[in-house]
Structure formats: structure tokens, C-alpha cells
C-alpha atoms as a PDB file:
ATOM      1  CA  MET A   1       0.119   0.041  -0.073  1.00  0.00           C
ATOM      2  CA  ALA A   2       1.549   3.186  -1.013  1.00  0.00           C
ATOM      3  CA  LEU A   3       1.171   6.231   1.207  1.00  0.00           C
ATOM      4  CA  LEU A   4       1.879   8.793  -1.563  1.00  0.00           C
ATOM      5  CA  PRO A   5       0.472   7.428  -4.822  1.00  0.00           C
ATOM      6  CA  SER A   6       1.470  10.552  -6.712  1.00  0.00           C
ATOM      7  CA  CYS A   7       3.662  13.687  -6.103  1.00  0.00           C
ATOM      8  CA  THR A   8       0.831  15.671  -6.291  1.00  0.00           C
ATOM      9  CA  GLN A   9       0.013  14.695  -2.403  1.00  0.00           C
ATOM     10  CA  LEU A  10       3.490  16.048  -1.484  1.00  0.00           C
ATOM     11  CA  GLY A  11       1.751  19.560  -0.257  1.00  0.00           C
ATOM     12  CA  THR A  12      -0.511  17.714   1.798  1.00  0.00           C
ATOM     13  CA  PHE A  13       2.047  15.332   3.164  1.00  0.00           C
ATOM     14  CA  LEU A  14       4.246  18.161   4.331  1.00  0.00           C
ATOM     15  CA  LYS A  15       1.734  20.632   5.848  1.00  0.00           C
ATOM     16  CA  GLY A  16      -1.889  19.715   4.942  1.00  0.00           C
ATOM     17  CA  PRO A  17      -4.750  19.434   7.422  1.00  0.00           C
ATOM     18  CA  ARG A  18      -5.184  16.422   9.435  1.00  0.00           C
ATOM     19  CA  THR A  19      -8.122  13.939   8.559  1.00  0.00           C
ATOM     20  CA  ALA A  20     -10.918  14.123  11.189  1.00  0.00           C
ATOM     21  CA  THR A  21      -9.431  13.553  14.475  1.00  0.00           C
ATOM     22  CA  VAL A  22     -11.780  15.563  16.937  1.00  0.00           C
ATOM     23  CA  PRO A  23     -12.994  15.131  20.413  1.00  0.00           C
ATOM     24  CA  ALA A  24     -15.833  12.535  20.760  1.00  0.00           C
ATOM     25  CA  THR A  25     -18.119  15.439  21.773  1.00  0.00           C
ATOM     26  CA  ASP A  26     -17.593  17.106  18.515  1.00  0.00           C
ATOM     27  CA  TRP A  27     -19.114  14.264  16.467  1.00  0.00           C
ATOM     28  CA  ALA A  28     -19.943  11.242  18.405  1.00  0.00           C
ATOM     29  CA  ASP A  29     -22.275  12.633  21.099  1.00  0.00           C
ATOM     30  CA  ALA A  30     -23.953  14.904  18.742  1.00  0.00           C
ATOM     31  CA  ALA A  31     -24.740  11.816  16.502  1.00  0.00           C
ATOM     32  CA  ALA A  32     -25.697   9.530  19.310  1.00  0.00           C
ATOM     33  CA  GLY A  33     -26.793  11.406  22.358  1.00  0.00           C
ATOM     34  CA  PRO A  34     -24.690  11.354  25.590  1.00  0.00           C
ATOM     35  CA  GLU A  35     -26.957   8.448  27.004  1.00  0.00           C
ATOM     36  CA  ARG A  36     -26.106   6.159  24.266  1.00  0.00           C
ATOM     37  CA  ILE A  37     -22.581   7.028  23.564  1.00  0.00           C
ATOM     38  CA  ALA A  38     -19.128   6.021  25.590  1.00  0.00           C
ATOM     39  CA  ARG A  39     -15.549   6.429  24.824  1.00  0.00           C
ATOM     40  CA  PRO A  40     -13.937   3.572  26.826  1.00  0.00           C
ATOM     41  CA  HIS A  41     -10.089   3.807  27.638  1.00  0.00           C
ATOM     42  CA  PRO A  42      -8.760   0.304  28.571  1.00  0.00           C
ATOM     43  CA  THR A  43      -5.152   0.007  29.200  1.00  0.00           C
ATOM     44  CA  LEU A  44      -3.221  -3.059  27.704  1.00  0.00           C
ATOM     45  CA  ALA A  45       0.573  -3.499  28.033  1.00  0.00           C
ATOM     46  CA  GLY A  46       1.049   0.146  28.744  1.00  0.00           C
ATOM     47  CA  VAL A  47      -1.215   1.492  25.817  1.00  0.00           C
ATOM     48  CA  THR A  48      -4.342   3.284  26.595  1.00  0.00           C
ATOM     49  CA  VAL A  49      -6.821   2.486  23.883  1.00  0.00           C
ATOM     50  CA  SER A  50      -9.317   5.097  22.944  1.00  0.00           C
ATOM     51  CA  ALA A  51     -12.726   3.937  21.382  1.00  0.00           C
ATOM     52  CA  VAL A  52     -16.230   5.142  20.688  1.00  0.00           C
ATOM     53  CA  ARG A  53     -19.192   2.826  21.293  1.00  0.00           C
ATOM     54  CA  ARG A  54     -22.804   3.058  20.715  1.00  0.00           C
ATOM     55  CA  SER A  55     -26.066   1.302  20.891  1.00  0.00           C
ATOM     56  CA  ASP A  56     -27.273  -1.807  22.907  1.00  0.00           C
ATOM     57  CA  PRO A  57     -24.574  -3.472  24.910  1.00  0.00           C
ATOM     58  CA  ALA A  58     -26.329  -6.532  24.593  1.00  0.00           C
ATOM     59  CA  GLY A  59     -26.474  -6.457  20.834  1.00  0.00           C
ATOM     60  CA  GLN A  60     -23.876  -8.183  18.403  1.00  0.00           C
ATOM     61  CA  ARG A  61     -20.763  -6.206  18.806  1.00  0.00           C
ATOM     62  CA  VAL A  62     -19.014  -4.922  15.749  1.00  0.00           C
ATOM     63  CA  VAL A  63     -15.447  -3.351  15.972  1.00  0.00           C
ATOM     64  CA  PHE A  64     -14.268  -1.105  13.088  1.00  0.00           C
ATOM     65  CA  VAL A  65     -10.606  -0.467  12.552  1.00  0.00           C
ATOM     66  CA  HIS A  66      -9.108   2.394  10.419  1.00  0.00           C
ATOM     67  CA  GLY A  67      -6.378   2.543   7.910  1.00  0.00           C
ATOM     68  CA  SER A  68      -2.972   4.465   7.939  1.00  0.00           C
ATOM     69  CA  PRO A  69      -3.298   7.285   8.497  1.00  0.00           C
ATOM     70  CA  GLY A  70      -6.473   7.525  10.103  1.00  0.00           C
ATOM     71  CA  ASP A  71      -8.449   7.390  13.299  1.00  0.00           C
ATOM     72  CA  SER A  72     -12.032   6.191  14.728  1.00  0.00           C
ATOM     73  CA  SER A  73     -13.730   9.245  13.444  1.00  0.00           C
ATOM     74  CA  ASN A  74     -13.130   7.777   9.812  1.00  0.00           C
ATOM     75  CA  TRP A  75     -16.403   5.625  10.962  1.00  0.00           C
ATOM     76  CA  ALA A  76     -18.285   8.232  12.360  1.00  0.00           C
ATOM     77  CA  SER A  77     -21.159   7.988  10.060  1.00  0.00           C
ATOM     78  CA  TYR A  78     -21.562   4.474  11.074  1.00  0.00           C
ATOM     79  CA  LEU A  79     -22.303   5.453  14.453  1.00  0.00           C
ATOM     80  CA  GLU A  80     -25.185   7.771  13.463  1.00  0.00           C
ATOM     81  CA  ALA A  81     -27.629   4.896  12.938  1.00  0.00           C
ATOM     82  CA  VAL A  82     -26.492   1.598  14.263  1.00  0.00           C
ATOM     83  CA  PRO A  83     -28.967  -1.248  13.122  1.00  0.00           C
ATOM     84  CA  ALA A  84     -31.131  -2.736  15.884  1.00  0.00           C
ATOM     85  CA  GLY A  85     -29.549  -5.502  17.753  1.00  0.00           C
ATOM     86  CA  TYR A  86     -26.012  -4.129  17.175  1.00  0.00           C
ATOM     87  CA  GLU A  87     -23.295  -2.446  19.247  1.00  0.00           C
ATOM     88  CA  PHE A  88     -20.601  -0.525  17.129  1.00  0.00           C
ATOM     89  CA  VAL A  89     -17.261   0.335  18.394  1.00  0.00           C
ATOM     90  CA  THR A  90     -14.820   2.426  16.602  1.00  0.00           C
ATOM     91  CA  VAL A  91     -11.262   2.309  17.751  1.00  0.00           C
ATOM     92  CA  ASP A  92      -8.164   4.364  17.583  1.00  0.00           C
ATOM     93  CA  ARG A  93      -5.491   2.021  16.941  1.00  0.00           C
ATOM     94  CA  PRO A  94      -2.035   2.792  18.685  1.00  0.00           C
ATOM     95  CA  GLY A  95      -0.460   5.562  17.150  1.00  0.00           C
ATOM     96  CA  SER A  96      -3.519   7.323  16.133  1.00  0.00           C
ATOM     97  CA  GLY A  97      -6.432   9.407  17.520  1.00  0.00           C
ATOM     98  CA  PHE A  98      -6.693   9.632  21.190  1.00  0.00           C
ATOM     99  CA  THR A  99      -4.828   6.303  21.947  1.00  0.00           C
ATOM    100  CA  THR A 100      -1.649   7.102  24.246  1.00  0.00           C
ATOM    101  CA  PRO A 101       1.325   7.038  23.989  1.00  0.00           C
ATOM    102  CA  VAL A 102       1.210   8.502  20.427  1.00  0.00           C
ATOM    103  CA  ARG A 103       4.153   6.715  18.916  1.00  0.00           C
ATOM    104  CA  SER A 104       4.960   4.630  15.740  1.00  0.00           C
ATOM    105  CA  ILE A 105       3.928   0.843  15.545  1.00  0.00           C
ATOM    106  CA  ALA A 106       6.095  -1.126  13.501  1.00  0.00           C
ATOM    107  CA  SER A 107       4.260  -4.537  13.824  1.00  0.00           C
ATOM    108  CA  LEU A 108       0.876  -5.953  13.257  1.00  0.00           C
ATOM    109  CA  GLU A 109       0.773  -7.940  16.446  1.00  0.00           C
ATOM    110  CA  GLU A 110       0.759  -4.793  18.548  1.00  0.00           C
ATOM    111  CA  PRO A 111      -2.317  -3.036  17.075  1.00  0.00           C
ATOM    112  CA  ALA A 112      -4.185  -6.532  16.950  1.00  0.00           C
ATOM    113  CA  ALA A 113      -3.287  -6.962  20.704  1.00  0.00           C
ATOM    114  CA  ALA A 114      -4.882  -3.719  21.338  1.00  0.00           C
ATOM    115  CA  LEU A 115      -8.198  -5.045  20.125  1.00  0.00           C
ATOM    116  CA  LEU A 116      -8.339  -7.646  22.902  1.00  0.00           C
ATOM    117  CA  PRO A 117     -10.345  -5.503  25.286  1.00  0.00           C
ATOM    118  CA  PHE A 118     -13.143  -5.042  22.863  1.00  0.00           C
ATOM    119  CA  LEU A 119     -13.535  -8.640  21.846  1.00  0.00           C
ATOM    120  CA  GLU A 120     -15.182  -9.484  24.981  1.00  0.00           C
ATOM    121  CA  ALA A 121     -18.842  -9.191  24.154  1.00  0.00           C
ATOM    122  CA  ALA A 122     -21.559  -9.181  26.739  1.00  0.00           C
ATOM    123  CA  ASP A 123     -23.281 -12.167  25.704  1.00  0.00           C
ATOM    124  CA  GLY A 124     -20.069 -14.324  24.903  1.00  0.00           C
ATOM    125  CA  ARG A 125     -20.776 -14.228  21.241  1.00  0.00           C
ATOM    126  CA  GLY A 126     -17.652 -13.678  19.002  1.00  0.00           C
ATOM    127  CA  VAL A 127     -17.148 -10.149  17.748  1.00  0.00           C
ATOM    128  CA  VAL A 128     -17.289  -8.998  14.022  1.00  0.00           C
ATOM    129  CA  LEU A 129     -14.073  -7.042  12.926  1.00  0.00           C
ATOM    130  CA  VAL A 130     -14.266  -4.649  10.162  1.00  0.00           C
ATOM    131  CA  GLY A 131     -11.023  -3.460   8.913  1.00  0.00           C
ATOM    132  CA  TRP A 132     -10.304  -0.809   5.998  1.00  0.00           C
ATOM    133  CA  SER A 133      -6.892  -0.642   4.259  1.00  0.00           C
ATOM    134  CA  TYR A 134      -4.028  -1.193   6.913  1.00  0.00           C
ATOM    135  CA  GLY A 135      -6.913  -2.041   9.132  1.00  0.00           C
ATOM    136  CA  GLY A 136      -7.375  -5.225   7.119  1.00  0.00           C
ATOM    137  CA  PRO A 137      -4.223  -6.957   8.096  1.00  0.00           C
ATOM    138  CA  VAL A 138      -4.753  -5.781  11.795  1.00  0.00           C
ATOM    139  CA  ILE A 139      -8.085  -7.468  11.942  1.00  0.00           C
ATOM    140  CA  ALA A 140      -6.752 -10.565  10.079  1.00  0.00           C
ATOM    141  CA  ARG A 141      -3.951 -10.754  12.838  1.00  0.00           C
ATOM    142  CA  GLY A 142      -6.417 -10.269  15.558  1.00  0.00           C
ATOM    143  CA  ALA A 143      -8.291 -13.426  14.081  1.00  0.00           C
ATOM    144  CA  VAL A 144      -5.278 -15.361  14.073  1.00  0.00           C
ATOM    145  CA  ASP A 145      -4.121 -14.556  17.712  1.00  0.00           C
ATOM    146  CA  ALA A 146      -7.838 -14.880  19.219  1.00  0.00           C
ATOM    147  CA  PRO A 147      -9.677 -16.790  17.149  1.00  0.00           C
ATOM    148  CA  GLU A 148     -12.310 -17.940  19.810  1.00  0.00           C
ATOM    149  CA  ARG A 149     -13.261 -14.276  20.200  1.00  0.00           C
ATOM    150  CA  VAL A 150     -13.797 -13.582  16.511  1.00  0.00           C
ATOM    151  CA  ALA A 151     -17.168 -14.188  14.810  1.00  0.00           C
ATOM    152  CA  GLY A 152     -15.935 -12.838  11.258  1.00  0.00           C
ATOM    153  CA  LEU A 153     -13.964 -10.674   9.507  1.00  0.00           C
ATOM    154  CA  VAL A 154     -15.260  -7.891   6.975  1.00  0.00           C
ATOM    155  CA  ILE A 155     -11.961  -6.625   5.080  1.00  0.00           C
ATOM    156  CA  VAL A 156     -12.373  -3.377   3.239  1.00  0.00           C
ATOM    157  CA  ALA A 157      -9.877  -2.522   0.588  1.00  0.00           C
ATOM    158  CA  GLY A 158      -7.460  -4.369   2.900  1.00  0.00           C
ATOM    159  CA  ALA A 159      -3.680  -4.528   2.147  1.00  0.00           C
ATOM    160  CA  LEU A 160      -2.704  -8.146   2.854  1.00  0.00           C
ATOM    161  CA  ASP A 161      -0.540  -9.245   0.033  1.00  0.00           C
ATOM    162  CA  PRO A 162       3.056  -8.476   0.638  1.00  0.00           C
ATOM    163  CA  ASP A 163       3.803  -8.781  -3.085  1.00  0.00           C
ATOM    164  CA  GLN A 164       1.540  -5.655  -3.581  1.00  0.00           C
ATOM    165  CA  GLU A 165       3.622  -3.432  -1.069  1.00  0.00           C
ATOM    166  CA  HIS A 166       6.178  -0.927  -2.496  1.00  0.00           C
ATOM    167  CA  VAL A 167       7.786   1.705  -0.620  1.00  0.00           C
ATOM    168  CA  ARG A 168       7.994   5.010  -2.603  1.00  0.00           C
ATOM    169  CA  PHE A 169      11.145   7.201  -2.317  1.00  0.00           C
ATOM    170  CA  LEU A 170       9.192  10.097  -0.771  1.00  0.00           C
ATOM    171  CA  GLN A 171       8.039   7.745   2.011  1.00  0.00           C
ATOM    172  CA  ARG A 172      11.566   7.054   3.001  1.00  0.00           C
ATOM    173  CA  VAL A 173      12.760  10.554   2.751  1.00  0.00           C
ATOM    174  CA  GLY A 174       9.807  11.640   4.945  1.00  0.00           C
ATOM    175  CA  CYS A 175      11.365   9.343   7.718  1.00  0.00           C
ATOM    176  CA  VAL A 176      14.892  10.985   7.586  1.00  0.00           C
ATOM    177  CA  TRP A 177      16.126  13.967   9.516  1.00  0.00           C
ATOM    178  CA  PRO A 178      15.704  16.894   8.833  1.00  0.00           C
ATOM    179  CA  PHE A 179      12.856  16.192   6.500  1.00  0.00           C
ATOM    180  CA  ASN A 180      11.039  14.410   9.086  1.00  0.00           C
ATOM    181  CA  ARG A 181      10.750  17.798  11.078  1.00  0.00           C
ATOM    182  CA  PHE A 182       8.574  19.079   8.330  1.00  0.00           C
ATOM    183  CA  VAL A 183       6.117  16.120   8.242  1.00  0.00           C
ATOM    184  CA  ARG A 184       3.050  16.252  10.124  1.00  0.00           C
ATOM    185  CA  ASP A 185       3.023  13.759  13.097  1.00  0.00           C
ATOM    186  CA  HIS A 186       0.035  11.568  11.590  1.00  0.00           C
ATOM    187  CA  TRP A 187       1.948  11.099   8.201  1.00  0.00           C
ATOM    188  CA  ARG A 188       5.141  10.625   9.962  1.00  0.00           C
ATOM    189  CA  ILE A 189       3.627   7.690  12.111  1.00  0.00           C
ATOM    190  CA  ALA A 190       1.569   6.204   9.081  1.00  0.00           C
ATOM    191  CA  ASN A 191       5.176   6.411   7.186  1.00  0.00           C
ATOM    192  CA  GLU A 192       6.590   4.383  10.038  1.00  0.00           C
ATOM    193  CA  GLU A 193       3.957   1.690   9.973  1.00  0.00           C
ATOM    194  CA  LEU A 194       3.647   1.303   6.289  1.00  0.00           C
ATOM    195  CA  ILE A 195       7.474   0.966   5.501  1.00  0.00           C
ATOM    196  CA  PRO A 196       7.717  -2.386   7.368  1.00  0.00           C
ATOM    197  CA  LEU A 197       4.218  -3.647   6.234  1.00  0.00           C
ATOM    198  CA  GLU A 198       5.693  -5.866   3.510  1.00  0.00           C
ATOM    199  CA  ARG A 199       7.929  -7.762   6.098  1.00  0.00           C
ATOM    200  CA  GLU A 200       4.767  -7.996   8.598  1.00  0.00           C
ATOM    201  CA  LEU A 201       2.642  -9.293   5.962  1.00  0.00           C
ATOM    202  CA  ARG A 202       5.135 -11.948   4.949  1.00  0.00           C
ATOM    203  CA  VAL A 203       4.934 -13.153   8.568  1.00  0.00           C
ATOM    204  CA  LEU A 204       1.174 -13.068   8.280  1.00  0.00           C
ATOM    205  CA  GLN A 205       0.819 -14.770   4.987  1.00  0.00           C
ATOM    206  CA  PRO A 206       1.324 -18.541   6.187  1.00  0.00           C
ATOM    207  CA  LEU A 207      -1.178 -17.667   9.272  1.00  0.00           C
ATOM    208  CA  LEU A 208      -3.889 -16.792   7.015  1.00  0.00           C
ATOM    209  CA  GLY A 209      -4.997 -20.254   6.384  1.00  0.00           C
ATOM    210  CA  GLU A 210      -5.613 -20.771  10.210  1.00  0.00           C
ATOM    211  CA  ILE A 211      -8.518 -18.154   9.949  1.00  0.00           C
ATOM    212  CA  ALA A 212     -11.735 -20.451  10.327  1.00  0.00           C
ATOM    213  CA  CYS A 213     -14.369 -17.762  10.805  1.00  0.00           C
ATOM    214  CA  PRO A 214     -16.162 -16.195   7.763  1.00  0.00           C
ATOM    215  CA  VAL A 215     -14.135 -13.799   5.674  1.00  0.00           C
ATOM    216  CA  HIS A 216     -16.094 -11.197   3.596  1.00  0.00           C
ATOM    217  CA  VAL A 217     -13.857  -9.036   1.272  1.00  0.00           C
ATOM    218  CA  LEU A 218     -14.969  -5.805  -0.345  1.00  0.00           C
ATOM    219  CA  HIS A 219     -12.565  -4.348  -2.944  1.00  0.00           C
ATOM    220  CA  GLY A 220     -12.765  -1.576  -5.661  1.00  0.00           C
ATOM    221  CA  GLU A 221     -11.148  -2.644  -8.874  1.00  0.00           C
ATOM    222  CA  GLN A 222      -9.808   1.027  -9.662  1.00  0.00           C
ATOM    223  CA  ASP A 223      -8.049   1.176  -6.130  1.00  0.00           C
ATOM    224  CA  SER A 224      -4.649   2.823  -6.595  1.00  0.00           C
ATOM    225  CA  LEU A 225      -3.637   2.826  -3.135  1.00  0.00           C
ATOM    226  CA  VAL A 226      -4.362  -0.905  -2.216  1.00  0.00           C
ATOM    227  CA  PRO A 227      -4.137  -2.701  -5.416  1.00  0.00           C
ATOM    228  CA  PHE A 228      -6.845  -5.065  -6.674  1.00  0.00           C
ATOM    229  CA  GLY A 229      -4.278  -7.971  -6.757  1.00  0.00           C
ATOM    230  CA  ASN A 230      -4.958  -8.317  -2.885  1.00  0.00           C
ATOM    231  CA  VAL A 231      -8.417  -9.943  -3.702  1.00  0.00           C
ATOM    232  CA  ALA A 232      -6.905 -12.694  -5.595  1.00  0.00           C
ATOM    233  CA  PHE A 233      -4.319 -13.217  -2.996  1.00  0.00           C
ATOM    234  CA  MET A 234      -6.762 -13.404  -0.027  1.00  0.00           C
ATOM    235  CA  ALA A 235      -8.933 -15.942  -2.186  1.00  0.00           C
ATOM    236  CA  GLU A 236      -5.991 -18.002  -2.357  1.00  0.00           C
ATOM    237  CA  ALA A 237      -4.435 -17.605   1.133  1.00  0.00           C
ATOM    238  CA  CYS A 238      -7.737 -17.669   3.414  1.00  0.00           C
ATOM    239  CA  SER A 239      -7.976 -21.355   2.749  1.00  0.00           C
ATOM    240  CA  GLY A 240      -9.348 -22.389   6.127  1.00  0.00           C
ATOM    241  CA  THR A 241     -12.671 -20.590   6.156  1.00  0.00           C
ATOM    242  CA  GLU A 242     -15.566 -22.047   4.590  1.00  0.00           C
ATOM    243  CA  ASP A 243     -17.445 -18.878   4.233  1.00  0.00           C
ATOM    244  CA  LEU A 244     -15.285 -16.804   1.862  1.00  0.00           C
ATOM    245  CA  GLN A 245     -17.226 -13.771   0.135  1.00  0.00           C
ATOM    246  CA  LEU A 246     -15.318 -11.645  -2.513  1.00  0.00           C
ATOM    247  CA  VAL A 247     -17.491  -8.536  -3.486  1.00  0.00           C
ATOM    248  CA  THR A 248     -15.939  -6.218  -5.837  1.00  0.00           C
ATOM    249  CA  PHE A 249     -16.860  -2.951  -7.558  1.00  0.00           C
ATOM    250  CA  GLU A 250     -15.684  -2.165 -11.037  1.00  0.00           C
ATOM    251  CA  GLU A 251     -15.745   1.663 -10.954  1.00  0.00           C
ATOM    252  CA  GLU A 252     -14.791   1.964  -7.178  1.00  0.00           C
ATOM    253  CA  ARG A 253     -11.416   3.266  -5.772  1.00  0.00           C
ATOM    254  CA  HIS A 254     -10.051   3.121  -2.227  1.00  0.00           C
ATOM    255  CA  PHE A 255     -12.742   4.828  -0.179  1.00  0.00           C
ATOM    256  CA  LEU A 256     -15.373   2.126   0.120  1.00  0.00           C
ATOM    257  CA  PRO A 257     -16.172   2.845   3.755  1.00  0.00           C
ATOM    258  CA  PHE A 258     -17.881   6.148   2.391  1.00  0.00           C
ATOM    259  CA  SER A 259     -19.112   5.442  -1.274  1.00  0.00           C
ATOM    260  CA  ARG A 260     -20.182   1.794  -0.300  1.00  0.00           C
ATOM    261  CA  ALA A 261     -21.442   2.009   3.326  1.00  0.00           C
ATOM    262  CA  GLN A 262     -24.302  -0.194   2.699  1.00  0.00           C
ATOM    263  CA  ALA A 263     -22.317  -2.944   1.148  1.00  0.00           C
ATOM    264  CA  VAL A 264     -19.976  -2.797   4.255  1.00  0.00           C
ATOM    265  CA  LEU A 265     -23.157  -3.082   6.701  1.00  0.00           C
ATOM    266  CA  GLY A 266     -24.599  -5.675   4.740  1.00  0.00           C
ATOM    267  CA  ALA A 267     -21.395  -7.589   4.974  1.00  0.00           C
ATOM    268  CA  VAL A 268     -21.516  -7.055   8.677  1.00  0.00           C
ATOM    269  CA  ARG A 269     -25.333  -8.329   8.838  1.00  0.00           C
ATOM    270  CA  SER A 270     -24.529 -11.338   6.876  1.00  0.00           C
ATOM    271  CA  ILE A 271     -22.127 -12.370   9.522  1.00  0.00           C
ATOM    272  CA  GLY A 272     -23.488 -10.999  12.519  1.00  0.00           C
ATOM    273  CA  HIS A 273     -26.980 -12.934  12.599  1.00  0.00           C
END
């Protein structure tokens, strides 16, 4: 997955506005009402994980994991109309949003481990994990490490094929002093996550066949950030599940959580009930 698909993004990379990290009271409370919203902060291995939770705690829990860069507010619209019988949780991955400490994460294991406090559903049912872009391999790693807690995966434009990962020159420049002093923190952290992603995916690749829960993949054929070739890779690598669904969109690019929200929710429903 390329952080900078073209040089036209250089201005944003160096000094552009951050995308949508705002306090919960600025968007989540306004959408849901304070009586139905919570921002839990469980601490695990020294990381205090921030999340936003909405709806019936007795419902089927669904945990949404953002890409890189990003934060839990990328899923804010999903909290506005949670389907009956569901509990939606949007998580700030380590290194993002309000999760602390703010630092780079070079492995997939740590962000997957940070999901563990949210994989304990009230009724004992497994949790449905939804991961967009970099969130795709994070939730896949979560399903490998805690299979008994995961009811299914919805991988949205997920970057799982190591052969599709190519680090661009500008990414490496953005991590080197003195250039990194001019790069906004969220871009720098994203760089430091994405540069080792190929290595992490090669570690994950032989483990994907262990995933036995349903795996539903949604991907746009015109995706220039996470190539469409990831779909064929997942079709082959996720050999341990009896419920592998591949949904592709001929004209869509990378931003399926926004342009194809109903398809994402449809995949959640097909796993969660």
C-alpha cells in the first residue's frame, strides 16, 4: 500500500490538514446522544486505547478499525444509525487518534493485541471485526491471535498481499532527519507503519490459512492505493474458512467505507446474524 500515490500529494504530506481527529463530543455525542455513547479507555501493556461505542451493549458487537493514516472518526457516520440488535465500536489504533502514547507501531501484532479489550462481548458471542486498508491486516492478525473471540472479518480494501507493497522514495525521505521535522505527526507515524508492512505481511501470510471464521472481502477494481490484486491473494491465502465472500466494485477506488457503506453494513449483517 503506497502512502503517497503521486507527487501531487506532497503538499498535503508536508503541511496539509489532518483528517478528522476531533474530540468525541464534537461528532459522536452529537450523532448519538450522551445517554447512548461512551468512550472507553482500557489499558493494555502500557497502551491506553481510545474508542467510541454506541447502541445496545447486549447486541452483536462490531469493531471497526481504520487505516493509516486515520482514526476512529473515519467511521463516525456508522455510529449515526446503528442497526437494531448491534453494538458498534470504533477504535483508535495505537499511534492514532486519542490512543496514548502517540508513537509509531512497526508490527501488526501490537495493534491486533490492542483490540483484545473490545473482543469480550457481553453475551459471550464472537465479535465481528471490520478493517479498512491497513486495518485489514490488523483484524486478520486479530483473528489469528484470538480465534475464539472473533465471529467474522469484513476486510474493506485491505492490504494483505506482501507482493503488492512497494515503498516509495518520498516515504523514506519523510522518515529521515531533517525532512521528518517538516512532516506532520500523523503522516510520519503512518510512514513508519507502512514501510515495514511488507515484512509484517510475509509473517502473516502463512497464518491466514488458520482463520476459520467467515471472511468477507470488499474491494474496488480501480483502487490505486491498495491494488486490486489483493483480492486474488486473499482468495488463495484464506483457505481455512468455509465462508469466503469476495465482493468487488468495477468503478470504485479506495474509499469504500464512504461510497459503499451499505455494502459494508450488508457484509456485517450477513456475518453477525
